N, C-alpha and C. Protein backbone atom coordinates (compact mmCIF):
# COMPACT_ATOMS: atom_id res chain seq x y z
N MET A 1 146.05 224.72 230.10
CA MET A 1 145.92 224.71 231.55
C MET A 1 144.93 225.81 231.96
N VAL A 2 143.97 225.44 232.77
CA VAL A 2 142.97 226.38 233.24
C VAL A 2 143.54 227.17 234.42
N GLU A 3 143.44 228.50 234.34
CA GLU A 3 143.88 229.38 235.42
C GLU A 3 142.93 230.56 235.49
N THR A 4 143.02 231.33 236.55
CA THR A 4 142.18 232.51 236.68
C THR A 4 142.81 233.65 235.90
N HIS A 5 142.09 234.13 234.90
CA HIS A 5 142.54 235.25 234.09
C HIS A 5 141.87 236.52 234.63
N THR A 6 142.63 237.61 234.64
CA THR A 6 142.12 238.90 235.07
C THR A 6 142.07 239.82 233.86
N PHE A 7 140.86 240.25 233.53
CA PHE A 7 140.65 241.16 232.41
C PHE A 7 140.32 242.55 232.94
N VAL A 8 140.92 243.55 232.35
CA VAL A 8 140.55 244.94 232.61
C VAL A 8 139.83 245.40 231.35
N VAL A 9 138.58 245.83 231.54
CA VAL A 9 137.74 246.21 230.41
C VAL A 9 137.26 247.64 230.62
N TYR A 10 137.61 248.52 229.70
CA TYR A 10 137.13 249.90 229.74
C TYR A 10 135.88 249.98 228.88
N VAL A 11 134.81 250.52 229.46
CA VAL A 11 133.53 250.59 228.78
C VAL A 11 132.94 251.99 228.90
N GLU A 12 132.02 252.28 228.00
CA GLU A 12 131.27 253.52 228.11
C GLU A 12 130.39 253.43 229.35
N ASP A 13 130.27 254.52 230.07
CA ASP A 13 129.44 254.56 231.28
C ASP A 13 128.00 254.83 230.86
N ARG A 14 127.29 253.75 230.48
CA ARG A 14 125.92 253.85 229.98
C ARG A 14 125.07 252.73 230.59
N PRO A 15 123.76 252.97 230.67
CA PRO A 15 122.88 251.91 231.17
C PRO A 15 122.93 250.68 230.26
N GLY A 16 122.92 249.50 230.86
CA GLY A 16 122.86 248.25 230.12
C GLY A 16 124.20 247.63 229.76
N VAL A 17 125.29 248.37 229.92
CA VAL A 17 126.59 247.84 229.53
C VAL A 17 126.98 246.63 230.38
N LEU A 18 126.80 246.74 231.69
CA LEU A 18 127.13 245.63 232.59
C LEU A 18 126.33 244.39 232.21
N ASN A 19 125.06 244.56 231.91
CA ASN A 19 124.22 243.43 231.52
C ASN A 19 124.73 242.77 230.24
N ARG A 20 125.14 243.57 229.27
CA ARG A 20 125.65 243.02 228.01
C ARG A 20 126.94 242.24 228.23
N VAL A 21 127.82 242.77 229.07
CA VAL A 21 129.09 242.09 229.34
C VAL A 21 128.82 240.77 230.08
N ALA A 22 128.00 240.82 231.12
CA ALA A 22 127.70 239.60 231.88
C ALA A 22 126.99 238.56 231.01
N SER A 23 126.10 239.01 230.14
CA SER A 23 125.39 238.09 229.24
C SER A 23 126.35 237.40 228.27
N LEU A 24 127.37 238.13 227.84
CA LEU A 24 128.37 237.53 226.95
C LEU A 24 129.01 236.32 227.63
N PHE A 25 129.39 236.47 228.89
CA PHE A 25 130.02 235.36 229.62
C PHE A 25 129.02 234.21 229.80
N ARG A 26 127.77 234.53 230.10
CA ARG A 26 126.75 233.50 230.28
C ARG A 26 126.54 232.72 228.99
N ARG A 27 126.40 233.44 227.87
CA ARG A 27 126.16 232.78 226.58
C ARG A 27 127.33 231.89 226.17
N ARG A 28 128.53 232.26 226.54
CA ARG A 28 129.73 231.49 226.17
C ARG A 28 130.10 230.45 227.22
N ALA A 29 129.26 230.31 228.26
CA ALA A 29 129.42 229.30 229.32
C ALA A 29 130.71 229.48 230.13
N PHE A 30 131.09 230.74 230.38
CA PHE A 30 132.19 231.05 231.28
C PHE A 30 131.60 231.59 232.58
N ASN A 31 132.10 231.10 233.69
CA ASN A 31 131.64 231.56 235.00
C ASN A 31 132.53 232.72 235.47
N ILE A 32 131.93 233.84 235.79
CA ILE A 32 132.68 234.98 236.31
C ILE A 32 132.98 234.72 237.77
N GLU A 33 134.26 234.65 238.11
CA GLU A 33 134.68 234.43 239.50
C GLU A 33 134.53 235.71 240.32
N SER A 34 134.83 236.85 239.69
CA SER A 34 134.79 238.14 240.36
C SER A 34 134.55 239.22 239.32
N LEU A 35 133.73 240.22 239.70
CA LEU A 35 133.44 241.33 238.80
C LEU A 35 133.32 242.60 239.62
N THR A 36 134.16 243.58 239.33
CA THR A 36 134.06 244.89 239.98
C THR A 36 134.00 245.95 238.89
N VAL A 37 133.23 247.00 239.16
CA VAL A 37 133.05 248.08 238.20
C VAL A 37 133.13 249.40 238.93
N GLY A 38 133.79 250.38 238.34
CA GLY A 38 133.85 251.70 238.93
C GLY A 38 134.25 252.75 237.91
N HIS A 39 134.14 254.00 238.31
CA HIS A 39 134.53 255.11 237.45
C HIS A 39 136.04 255.13 237.25
N THR A 40 136.48 255.77 236.19
CA THR A 40 137.91 255.93 235.91
C THR A 40 138.28 257.40 235.96
N GLU A 41 139.52 257.68 235.61
CA GLU A 41 140.01 259.05 235.56
C GLU A 41 139.43 259.80 234.36
N ARG A 42 138.81 259.10 233.43
CA ARG A 42 138.20 259.71 232.24
C ARG A 42 136.69 259.77 232.41
N ALA A 43 136.13 260.96 232.22
CA ALA A 43 134.67 261.14 232.33
C ALA A 43 133.97 260.28 231.28
N GLY A 44 132.89 259.61 231.70
CA GLY A 44 132.10 258.80 230.79
C GLY A 44 132.66 257.41 230.52
N VAL A 45 133.74 257.05 231.22
CA VAL A 45 134.35 255.73 231.03
C VAL A 45 134.40 255.00 232.37
N SER A 46 133.94 253.77 232.38
CA SER A 46 134.02 252.92 233.57
C SER A 46 135.01 251.80 233.32
N ARG A 47 135.53 251.25 234.41
CA ARG A 47 136.51 250.17 234.32
C ARG A 47 135.95 248.94 235.01
N MET A 48 135.96 247.84 234.30
CA MET A 48 135.55 246.56 234.87
C MET A 48 136.79 245.72 235.08
N THR A 49 136.87 245.09 236.23
CA THR A 49 137.91 244.09 236.47
C THR A 49 137.17 242.77 236.59
N ILE A 50 137.45 241.85 235.68
CA ILE A 50 136.73 240.58 235.61
C ILE A 50 137.72 239.44 235.78
N ALA A 51 137.46 238.57 236.74
CA ALA A 51 138.27 237.37 236.94
C ALA A 51 137.45 236.17 236.47
N VAL A 52 138.04 235.36 235.61
CA VAL A 52 137.35 234.20 235.08
C VAL A 52 138.36 233.07 234.87
N LYS A 53 137.94 231.84 235.17
CA LYS A 53 138.81 230.68 234.94
C LYS A 53 138.66 230.24 233.50
N ALA A 54 139.82 230.13 232.84
CA ALA A 54 139.83 229.72 231.43
C ALA A 54 141.23 229.27 231.06
N ASP A 55 141.32 228.49 229.98
CA ASP A 55 142.64 228.19 229.44
C ASP A 55 143.04 229.34 228.53
N ARG A 56 144.22 229.26 227.96
CA ARG A 56 144.74 230.37 227.15
C ARG A 56 143.85 230.65 225.94
N THR A 57 143.39 229.59 225.29
CA THR A 57 142.51 229.75 224.12
C THR A 57 141.18 230.38 224.53
N GLY A 58 140.64 229.92 225.64
CA GLY A 58 139.38 230.49 226.13
C GLY A 58 139.52 231.96 226.47
N ALA A 59 140.64 232.33 227.08
CA ALA A 59 140.89 233.73 227.42
C ALA A 59 140.98 234.58 226.17
N GLN A 60 141.62 234.07 225.14
CA GLN A 60 141.71 234.81 223.88
C GLN A 60 140.33 234.98 223.25
N ARG A 61 139.50 233.94 223.34
CA ARG A 61 138.13 234.04 222.81
C ARG A 61 137.32 235.07 223.58
N ILE A 62 137.48 235.08 224.92
CA ILE A 62 136.76 236.06 225.74
C ILE A 62 137.14 237.47 225.31
N GLU A 63 138.42 237.71 225.16
CA GLU A 63 138.89 239.04 224.76
C GLU A 63 138.30 239.44 223.41
N ALA A 64 138.32 238.53 222.45
CA ALA A 64 137.78 238.82 221.11
C ALA A 64 136.29 239.12 221.17
N HIS A 65 135.55 238.34 221.96
CA HIS A 65 134.10 238.56 222.08
C HIS A 65 133.79 239.87 222.78
N LEU A 66 134.60 240.23 223.78
CA LEU A 66 134.37 241.51 224.47
C LEU A 66 134.52 242.67 223.50
N TYR A 67 135.51 242.60 222.63
CA TYR A 67 135.71 243.67 221.65
C TYR A 67 134.54 243.82 220.69
N LYS A 68 133.73 242.77 220.52
CA LYS A 68 132.58 242.85 219.63
C LYS A 68 131.44 243.67 220.23
N LEU A 69 131.45 243.87 221.53
CA LEU A 69 130.39 244.65 222.17
C LEU A 69 130.61 246.13 221.87
N VAL A 70 129.57 246.81 221.46
CA VAL A 70 129.69 248.18 220.99
C VAL A 70 130.17 249.15 222.07
N ASN A 71 129.82 248.96 223.31
CA ASN A 71 130.19 249.90 224.37
C ASN A 71 131.56 249.62 224.98
N VAL A 72 132.24 248.59 224.50
CA VAL A 72 133.58 248.26 225.01
C VAL A 72 134.61 249.11 224.27
N ILE A 73 135.43 249.82 225.04
CA ILE A 73 136.44 250.71 224.48
C ILE A 73 137.79 250.00 224.37
N ASN A 74 138.16 249.26 225.43
CA ASN A 74 139.47 248.60 225.44
C ASN A 74 139.40 247.38 226.35
N VAL A 75 140.14 246.33 226.01
CA VAL A 75 140.21 245.10 226.80
C VAL A 75 141.67 244.73 226.96
N GLU A 76 142.05 244.33 228.17
CA GLU A 76 143.42 243.88 228.40
C GLU A 76 143.40 242.70 229.37
N ASP A 77 144.02 241.59 228.99
CA ASP A 77 144.20 240.45 229.88
C ASP A 77 145.52 240.70 230.62
N ILE A 78 145.45 241.03 231.91
CA ILE A 78 146.65 241.39 232.66
C ILE A 78 147.17 240.23 233.51
N THR A 79 146.72 239.02 233.20
CA THR A 79 147.11 237.85 233.97
C THR A 79 148.62 237.69 234.06
N SER A 80 149.33 237.89 232.98
CA SER A 80 150.78 237.71 232.96
C SER A 80 151.55 239.01 233.12
N THR A 81 150.85 240.11 233.32
CA THR A 81 151.47 241.42 233.47
C THR A 81 151.72 241.69 234.95
N PRO A 82 152.88 242.23 235.31
CA PRO A 82 153.09 242.58 236.73
C PRO A 82 151.99 243.54 237.20
N SER A 83 151.24 243.12 238.20
CA SER A 83 150.08 243.87 238.66
C SER A 83 149.94 243.80 240.17
N VAL A 84 149.16 244.73 240.69
CA VAL A 84 148.77 244.69 242.10
C VAL A 84 147.30 244.32 242.13
N LEU A 85 146.98 243.23 242.83
CA LEU A 85 145.61 242.74 242.95
C LEU A 85 145.18 242.83 244.40
N ARG A 86 143.98 243.34 244.62
CA ARG A 86 143.45 243.47 245.99
C ARG A 86 141.97 243.12 246.02
N ASP A 87 141.53 242.78 247.21
CA ASP A 87 140.13 242.49 247.49
C ASP A 87 139.83 243.17 248.81
N LEU A 88 138.61 243.58 249.02
CA LEU A 88 138.18 244.17 250.29
C LEU A 88 137.09 243.29 250.87
N ALA A 89 137.14 243.06 252.17
CA ALA A 89 136.10 242.29 252.83
C ALA A 89 135.72 242.97 254.13
N MET A 90 134.45 242.85 254.48
CA MET A 90 133.97 243.23 255.80
C MET A 90 133.38 241.97 256.42
N ILE A 91 133.84 241.68 257.62
CA ILE A 91 133.45 240.44 258.29
C ILE A 91 132.83 240.79 259.64
N LYS A 92 131.59 240.36 259.85
CA LYS A 92 130.95 240.55 261.14
C LYS A 92 131.15 239.27 261.94
N VAL A 93 131.78 239.39 263.11
CA VAL A 93 132.10 238.23 263.91
C VAL A 93 131.50 238.41 265.31
N ALA A 94 131.00 237.32 265.86
CA ALA A 94 130.46 237.36 267.22
C ALA A 94 131.59 237.64 268.20
N ALA A 95 131.33 238.52 269.16
CA ALA A 95 132.38 238.89 270.12
C ALA A 95 131.77 239.08 271.50
N THR A 96 132.19 238.22 272.41
CA THR A 96 131.79 238.38 273.81
C THR A 96 132.84 239.24 274.50
N GLN A 97 132.58 239.63 275.74
CA GLN A 97 133.57 240.41 276.50
C GLN A 97 134.89 239.64 276.62
N GLU A 98 134.79 238.32 276.76
CA GLU A 98 135.98 237.50 276.93
C GLU A 98 136.77 237.34 275.64
N SER A 99 136.08 237.25 274.50
CA SER A 99 136.77 236.98 273.23
C SER A 99 137.18 238.26 272.48
N ARG A 100 136.64 239.39 272.86
CA ARG A 100 136.88 240.64 272.12
C ARG A 100 138.36 240.97 271.97
N SER A 101 139.14 240.87 273.05
CA SER A 101 140.57 241.23 272.97
C SER A 101 141.34 240.24 272.09
N ASP A 102 140.99 238.95 272.13
CA ASP A 102 141.64 237.97 271.27
C ASP A 102 141.38 238.27 269.79
N ILE A 103 140.14 238.62 269.50
CA ILE A 103 139.78 238.94 268.11
C ILE A 103 140.53 240.18 267.65
N MET A 104 140.62 241.17 268.51
CA MET A 104 141.31 242.41 268.14
C MET A 104 142.81 242.18 267.91
N GLN A 105 143.40 241.25 268.65
CA GLN A 105 144.81 240.90 268.40
C GLN A 105 144.97 240.25 267.03
N LEU A 106 144.04 239.38 266.67
CA LEU A 106 144.08 238.76 265.34
C LEU A 106 143.94 239.81 264.24
N VAL A 107 143.06 240.76 264.46
CA VAL A 107 142.85 241.85 263.51
C VAL A 107 144.16 242.61 263.30
N ASP A 108 144.88 242.88 264.37
CA ASP A 108 146.17 243.58 264.27
C ASP A 108 147.19 242.76 263.50
N VAL A 109 147.25 241.47 263.77
CA VAL A 109 148.22 240.60 263.09
C VAL A 109 148.00 240.64 261.58
N PHE A 110 146.75 240.69 261.14
CA PHE A 110 146.43 240.69 259.71
C PHE A 110 146.38 242.09 259.11
N ARG A 111 146.75 243.08 259.89
CA ARG A 111 146.71 244.48 259.47
C ARG A 111 145.33 244.88 258.95
N ALA A 112 144.32 244.37 259.60
CA ALA A 112 142.94 244.74 259.32
C ALA A 112 142.54 245.78 260.35
N ARG A 113 141.28 246.19 260.34
CA ARG A 113 140.84 247.14 261.36
C ARG A 113 139.39 246.90 261.71
N VAL A 114 139.06 247.24 262.94
CA VAL A 114 137.69 247.15 263.42
C VAL A 114 136.99 248.44 263.02
N VAL A 115 135.86 248.33 262.30
CA VAL A 115 135.15 249.51 261.84
C VAL A 115 133.82 249.71 262.56
N ASP A 116 133.39 248.71 263.34
CA ASP A 116 132.16 248.86 264.12
C ASP A 116 132.22 247.92 265.32
N VAL A 117 131.76 248.44 266.45
CA VAL A 117 131.72 247.65 267.68
C VAL A 117 130.29 247.68 268.20
N ALA A 118 129.72 246.51 268.40
CA ALA A 118 128.40 246.36 269.01
C ALA A 118 128.57 245.50 270.26
N PRO A 119 127.58 245.48 271.13
CA PRO A 119 127.73 244.69 272.37
C PRO A 119 128.04 243.21 272.14
N ASP A 120 127.55 242.65 271.01
CA ASP A 120 127.73 241.22 270.78
C ASP A 120 128.51 240.88 269.50
N SER A 121 129.06 241.91 268.83
CA SER A 121 129.78 241.63 267.58
C SER A 121 130.76 242.75 267.24
N LEU A 122 131.65 242.42 266.29
CA LEU A 122 132.59 243.39 265.71
C LEU A 122 132.49 243.27 264.19
N ILE A 123 132.66 244.39 263.51
CA ILE A 123 132.79 244.34 262.05
C ILE A 123 134.23 244.70 261.74
N ILE A 124 134.87 243.81 260.99
CA ILE A 124 136.28 243.94 260.66
C ILE A 124 136.39 244.22 259.17
N GLU A 125 137.26 245.17 258.82
CA GLU A 125 137.53 245.50 257.42
C GLU A 125 138.96 245.07 257.11
N ILE A 126 139.12 244.36 256.00
CA ILE A 126 140.45 243.92 255.59
C ILE A 126 140.60 244.11 254.09
N THR A 127 141.75 244.60 253.69
CA THR A 127 142.10 244.75 252.29
C THR A 127 143.38 243.97 252.05
N GLY A 128 143.40 243.22 250.97
CA GLY A 128 144.61 242.46 250.65
C GLY A 128 144.32 241.44 249.58
N THR A 129 145.22 240.48 249.47
CA THR A 129 145.04 239.41 248.49
C THR A 129 143.90 238.51 248.96
N GLU A 130 143.38 237.75 248.02
CA GLU A 130 142.31 236.81 248.37
C GLU A 130 142.78 235.81 249.42
N ASP A 131 144.03 235.35 249.33
CA ASP A 131 144.57 234.40 250.30
C ASP A 131 144.64 235.01 251.70
N LYS A 132 145.03 236.26 251.80
CA LYS A 132 145.11 236.94 253.10
C LYS A 132 143.72 237.02 253.74
N ILE A 133 142.73 237.37 252.95
CA ILE A 133 141.37 237.47 253.47
C ILE A 133 140.86 236.09 253.89
N ASP A 134 141.13 235.08 253.06
CA ASP A 134 140.71 233.71 253.39
C ASP A 134 141.37 233.25 254.70
N SER A 135 142.63 233.61 254.90
CA SER A 135 143.34 233.21 256.12
C SER A 135 142.73 233.86 257.36
N LEU A 136 142.42 235.16 257.28
CA LEU A 136 141.77 235.82 258.41
C LEU A 136 140.42 235.19 258.69
N LEU A 137 139.69 234.92 257.65
CA LEU A 137 138.37 234.30 257.81
C LEU A 137 138.47 232.96 258.55
N GLU A 138 139.47 232.17 258.21
CA GLU A 138 139.65 230.87 258.87
C GLU A 138 139.93 231.00 260.37
N VAL A 139 140.76 231.97 260.75
CA VAL A 139 141.06 232.12 262.19
C VAL A 139 139.91 232.76 262.95
N LEU A 140 138.99 233.44 262.23
CA LEU A 140 137.83 234.03 262.90
C LEU A 140 136.65 233.06 263.03
N ARG A 141 136.63 232.02 262.21
CA ARG A 141 135.50 231.06 262.23
C ARG A 141 135.19 230.49 263.62
N PRO A 142 136.19 230.12 264.43
CA PRO A 142 135.86 229.58 265.75
C PRO A 142 135.10 230.56 266.66
N TYR A 143 135.22 231.85 266.40
CA TYR A 143 134.51 232.84 267.20
C TYR A 143 133.07 233.03 266.74
N GLY A 144 132.80 232.62 265.52
CA GLY A 144 131.46 232.72 264.96
C GLY A 144 131.33 233.85 263.96
N VAL A 145 131.56 233.55 262.68
CA VAL A 145 131.37 234.53 261.63
C VAL A 145 129.87 234.64 261.37
N ILE A 146 129.33 235.83 261.58
CA ILE A 146 127.89 236.07 261.43
C ILE A 146 127.54 236.40 259.98
N GLU A 147 128.38 237.23 259.39
CA GLU A 147 128.10 237.70 258.04
C GLU A 147 129.41 238.18 257.41
N MET A 148 129.47 238.09 256.07
CA MET A 148 130.67 238.56 255.38
C MET A 148 130.27 239.09 254.01
N VAL A 149 130.97 240.13 253.57
CA VAL A 149 130.79 240.65 252.21
C VAL A 149 132.17 240.96 251.65
N ARG A 150 132.34 240.62 250.35
CA ARG A 150 133.62 240.88 249.68
C ARG A 150 133.35 241.66 248.40
N THR A 151 134.28 242.54 248.06
CA THR A 151 134.10 243.37 246.87
C THR A 151 134.41 242.64 245.59
N GLY A 152 135.30 241.69 245.62
CA GLY A 152 135.81 241.09 244.41
C GLY A 152 137.14 241.73 244.07
N ARG A 153 137.81 241.14 243.13
CA ARG A 153 139.17 241.55 242.77
C ARG A 153 139.17 242.90 242.05
N VAL A 154 140.11 243.73 242.44
CA VAL A 154 140.47 244.92 241.66
C VAL A 154 141.95 244.78 241.35
N ALA A 155 142.35 245.28 240.20
CA ALA A 155 143.73 245.11 239.77
C ALA A 155 144.19 246.31 238.98
N ILE A 156 145.46 246.59 239.10
CA ILE A 156 146.08 247.66 238.32
C ILE A 156 147.51 247.21 237.99
N THR A 157 147.94 247.51 236.77
CA THR A 157 149.27 247.10 236.37
C THR A 157 150.31 248.00 237.01
N ARG A 158 151.49 247.44 237.22
CA ARG A 158 152.60 248.20 237.83
C ARG A 158 153.25 249.10 236.80
N GLY A 159 153.91 250.14 237.29
CA GLY A 159 154.67 251.02 236.41
C GLY A 159 153.85 252.19 235.92
N THR A 160 154.43 252.93 234.99
CA THR A 160 153.79 254.15 234.52
C THR A 160 152.81 253.94 233.39
N LYS A 161 152.81 252.78 232.77
CA LYS A 161 151.88 252.51 231.68
C LYS A 161 150.46 252.51 232.21
N ASN A 162 149.58 253.23 231.54
CA ASN A 162 148.17 253.27 231.89
C ASN A 162 147.43 252.49 230.82
N GLY A 163 146.66 251.48 231.21
CA GLY A 163 145.98 250.63 230.25
C GLY A 163 144.99 251.36 229.36
N SER A 164 144.43 252.49 229.81
CA SER A 164 143.41 253.15 229.01
C SER A 164 143.99 254.17 228.05
N SER A 165 145.24 254.60 228.24
CA SER A 165 145.83 255.54 227.30
C SER A 165 147.06 254.89 226.69
N GLY A 166 147.42 255.34 225.52
CA GLY A 166 148.58 254.75 224.87
C GLY A 166 148.21 253.55 224.03
N LEU A 167 147.00 253.03 224.18
CA LEU A 167 146.54 251.91 223.37
C LEU A 167 145.48 252.43 222.41
N ALA A 168 145.38 251.81 221.26
CA ALA A 168 144.33 252.20 220.33
C ALA A 168 143.00 251.77 220.93
N VAL A 169 142.13 252.73 221.14
CA VAL A 169 140.82 252.42 221.71
C VAL A 169 139.74 252.94 220.79
N ARG A 170 138.62 252.26 220.83
CA ARG A 170 137.48 252.68 220.05
C ARG A 170 136.84 253.87 220.75
N PRO A 171 136.55 254.98 220.05
CA PRO A 171 135.92 256.12 220.71
C PRO A 171 134.50 255.79 221.12
N PRO A 172 134.01 256.38 222.22
CA PRO A 172 132.64 256.13 222.65
C PRO A 172 131.66 256.53 221.55
N ALA A 173 130.59 255.75 221.42
CA ALA A 173 129.57 256.04 220.42
C ALA A 173 128.78 257.26 220.84
N SER A 174 128.38 258.05 219.87
CA SER A 174 127.55 259.21 220.19
C SER A 174 126.12 258.73 220.37
N PRO A 175 125.27 259.50 221.09
CA PRO A 175 123.89 259.07 221.30
C PRO A 175 123.14 258.81 219.99
N SER A 176 123.45 259.56 218.93
CA SER A 176 122.76 259.34 217.65
C SER A 176 123.17 258.00 217.02
N ASP A 177 124.37 257.51 217.35
CA ASP A 177 124.83 256.22 216.84
C ASP A 177 124.12 255.05 217.51
N GLU A 178 123.60 255.28 218.72
CA GLU A 178 122.95 254.21 219.49
C GLU A 178 121.84 253.54 218.71
N ALA A 179 121.02 254.31 217.99
CA ALA A 179 119.88 253.76 217.28
C ALA A 179 120.31 252.89 216.10
N LYS A 180 121.52 253.06 215.61
CA LYS A 180 121.99 252.34 214.43
C LYS A 180 122.75 251.05 214.78
N VAL A 181 122.91 250.75 216.07
CA VAL A 181 123.80 249.68 216.47
C VAL A 181 123.01 248.50 217.02
N SER A 182 123.44 247.29 216.64
CA SER A 182 122.87 246.07 217.20
C SER A 182 123.73 245.63 218.37
N TYR A 183 123.08 245.23 219.46
CA TYR A 183 123.81 244.84 220.66
C TYR A 183 123.97 243.34 220.82
N SER A 184 123.51 242.55 219.89
CA SER A 184 123.65 241.10 220.02
C SER A 184 125.03 240.66 219.59
N VAL A 185 125.49 239.60 220.25
CA VAL A 185 126.80 239.05 219.93
C VAL A 185 126.65 237.57 219.68
């Protein structure tokens, strides 16, 4: 059964790593639904949250192929793990004097907030599940959505377990090791 799998991938914070990871998905004909990257609590390590539709076998293949990349430190498929998943969106919506108060009431109902007010528009910021953001977007469409940007999924597992510690991870390569390593997969 095909479902959206969420992978947490810890990588060395080096130029070209994102390109190598994205190329792996392209070469294997998997479409990345969402990709977010940011710093972690460990210096020199970045965390990627990747959402991709795949069956169980495909997800296992993705994980195995990710581990083959030299700059990948740790990979975890957290699809079945209790996790908190969030997305951030900013939505610019047309707002006249007459519609402004109605839009602001909708913003309150969705626990979003207005982050910019212009004479003819509002920019709304919302954080939540993808469904929550999609629902707000649908009720704002009649007012005229001018522009929208979404960050993509971020996820963290529940509880005290930290995915980057406590698991056997490959140590980051030293700069002298870089010349000895092939990056093709």
